[in-house]
Amino acid sequence: MAPTQRRVFIIGDGFPGLCVARDLRTHDLATIIDVEELFGYIPDVFRACVKPKHLEALTFTPCCVIEGRMGCK
């Protein structure tokens, strides 16, 4: 860790939390904390009630995106 990097903890992995982590990752060490294991797009969840197979398209495990694509923890 470079001396100028701050360690930042972001509460919540919703859209705002992911955007903040993405913006801070080049200057700071960002760690995202959330109680949920899955990220779900809530406005479209009613479609999953009608078509249960659609639930897979609405949810994903955020670890692969946060650690792999964004370079955060």
Foldseek 3Di string as FASTA:
>chain_A
DDPQAEEAEAEDDAPVSVVVLLVRVVRYAYAYDYPDQKDFDPVCVVVCVVVVVCRVVGIDGCPCCCCPVRVHD
